[in-house]
C-alpha atoms as a PDB file:
ATOM      1  CA  MET A   1      -3.299   4.006  -8.737  1.00  0.00           C
ATOM      2  CA  THR A   2      -5.441   3.387 -12.015  1.00  0.00           C
ATOM      3  CA  VAL A   3      -9.028   1.825 -12.335  1.00  0.00           C
ATOM      4  CA  LYS A   4      -9.966  -0.103 -14.926  1.00  0.00           C
ATOM      5  CA  GLY A   5     -12.031  -2.837 -16.493  1.00  0.00           C
ATOM      6  CA  PRO A   6     -14.931  -3.928 -18.245  1.00  0.00           C
ATOM      7  CA  LEU A   7     -17.194  -2.670 -15.730  1.00  0.00           C
ATOM      8  CA  ILE A   8     -15.999   0.831 -15.319  1.00  0.00           C
ATOM      9  CA  VAL A   9     -17.573   3.795 -18.004  1.00  0.00           C
ATOM     10  CA  ASN A  10     -14.594   5.853 -17.329  1.00  0.00           C
ATOM     11  CA  PRO A  11     -11.538   4.543 -16.227  1.00  0.00           C
ATOM     12  CA  GLY A  12      -9.553   6.926 -14.388  1.00  0.00           C
ATOM     13  CA  GLU A  13      -5.921   6.962 -12.156  1.00  0.00           C
ATOM     14  CA  ALA A  14      -5.031   8.996  -9.028  1.00  0.00           C
ATOM     15  CA  THR A  15      -1.808   9.860  -7.382  1.00  0.00           C
ATOM     16  CA  THR A  16      -1.162  10.500  -4.009  1.00  0.00           C
ATOM     17  CA  ARG A  17       1.870  10.860  -1.315  1.00  0.00           C
ATOM     18  CA  ILE A  18       2.509   9.543   1.876  1.00  0.00           C
ATOM     19  CA  GLN A  19       5.034   9.871   4.497  1.00  0.00           C
ATOM     20  CA  LEU A  20       6.408   6.599   6.590  1.00  0.00           C
ATOM     21  CA  THR A  21       7.055   7.603  10.572  1.00  0.00           C
ATOM     22  CA  GLN A  22      10.639   5.833   9.621  1.00  0.00           C
ATOM     23  CA  SER A  23      12.465   4.294   6.814  1.00  0.00           C
ATOM     24  CA  LEU A  24      12.056   1.109   5.419  1.00  0.00           C
ATOM     25  CA  TYR A  25      14.362  -1.289   3.006  1.00  0.00           C
ATOM     26  CA  LEU A  26      13.210  -3.358   0.716  1.00  0.00           C
ATOM     27  CA  TYR A  27      15.826  -5.719  -0.890  1.00  0.00           C
ATOM     28  CA  LYS A  28      13.789  -8.256  -3.340  1.00  0.00           C
ATOM     29  CA  GLU A  29      11.649 -10.273  -0.617  1.00  0.00           C
ATOM     30  CA  TRP A  30      13.913  -9.016   2.411  1.00  0.00           C
ATOM     31  CA  SER A  31      12.685  -6.097   4.494  1.00  0.00           C
ATOM     32  CA  SER A  32      14.289  -3.799   6.836  1.00  0.00           C
ATOM     33  CA  LEU A  33      13.670  -1.227   9.583  1.00  0.00           C
ATOM     34  CA  ASP A  34      16.969   0.278  10.378  1.00  0.00           C
ATOM     35  CA  GLY A  35      19.148  -1.160   6.720  1.00  0.00           C
ATOM     36  CA  ARG A  36      21.225  -3.957   9.258  1.00  0.00           C
ATOM     37  CA  ASN A  37      18.914  -6.413  10.366  1.00  0.00           C
ATOM     38  CA  TRP A  38      16.945  -7.859   7.520  1.00  0.00           C
ATOM     39  CA  THR A  39      13.862  -9.859   8.080  1.00  0.00           C
ATOM     40  CA  HIS A  40      10.976 -11.165   5.999  1.00  0.00           C
ATOM     41  CA  GLN A  41       8.874  -9.558   7.813  1.00  0.00           C
ATOM     42  CA  ALA A  42       9.732  -6.443   9.043  1.00  0.00           C
ATOM     43  CA  PHE A  43       6.424  -4.666   8.566  1.00  0.00           C
ATOM     44  CA  GLN A  44       2.798  -6.265   7.481  1.00  0.00           C
ATOM     45  CA  GLY A  45       0.639  -4.402   5.213  1.00  0.00           C
ATOM     46  CA  ARG A  46      -2.688  -4.899   3.464  1.00  0.00           C
ATOM     47  CA  VAL A  47      -4.877  -2.978   0.678  1.00  0.00           C
ATOM     48  CA  ALA A  48      -8.747  -2.899   0.603  1.00  0.00           C
ATOM     49  CA  ILE A  49     -11.188  -1.565  -1.680  1.00  0.00           C
ATOM     50  CA  GLY A  50     -14.748  -1.304  -2.020  1.00  0.00           C
ATOM     51  CA  LEU A  51     -17.627   1.394  -3.542  1.00  0.00           C
ATOM     52  CA  ALA A  52     -19.192   3.848  -1.452  1.00  0.00           C
ATOM     53  CA  PRO A  53     -22.318   6.358  -2.461  1.00  0.00           C
ATOM     54  CA  GLN A  54     -19.662   8.914  -2.394  1.00  0.00           C
ATOM     55  CA  GLY A  55     -17.418   7.185  -4.828  1.00  0.00           C
ATOM     56  CA  GLY A  56     -14.594   4.458  -4.262  1.00  0.00           C
ATOM     57  CA  ILE A  57     -12.736   3.571  -1.618  1.00  0.00           C
ATOM     58  CA  VAL A  58      -9.174   2.268  -1.053  1.00  0.00           C
ATOM     59  CA  GLU A  59      -7.180   1.852   2.321  1.00  0.00           C
ATOM     60  CA  VAL A  60      -4.021   0.667   2.284  1.00  0.00           C
ATOM     61  CA  PHE A  61      -2.757   0.371   5.780  1.00  0.00           C
ATOM     62  CA  VAL A  62       1.120  -0.349   7.155  1.00  0.00           C
ATOM     63  CA  ASN A  63       2.186  -1.942  10.711  1.00  0.00           C
ATOM     64  CA  ARG A  64       4.826  -3.089  12.002  1.00  0.00           C
ATOM     65  CA  PRO A  65       4.560  -7.360  13.411  1.00  0.00           C
ATOM     66  CA  ASP A  66       3.366  -7.656  16.512  1.00  0.00           C
END
């Protein structure tokens, strides 16, 4: 993650590692949870950013579609 821009005094970078509960395959606009059945909606996700008194907040949420 990189944070930079005209309103940022000291640009910064951070790295984190996550592990999914199962494999997720991606190819162009296609995705699959098993590598055999491909769809455009194997998962849903969202990214949110914000500011708080203790610092910046970045939330990444990944889920299976309903």
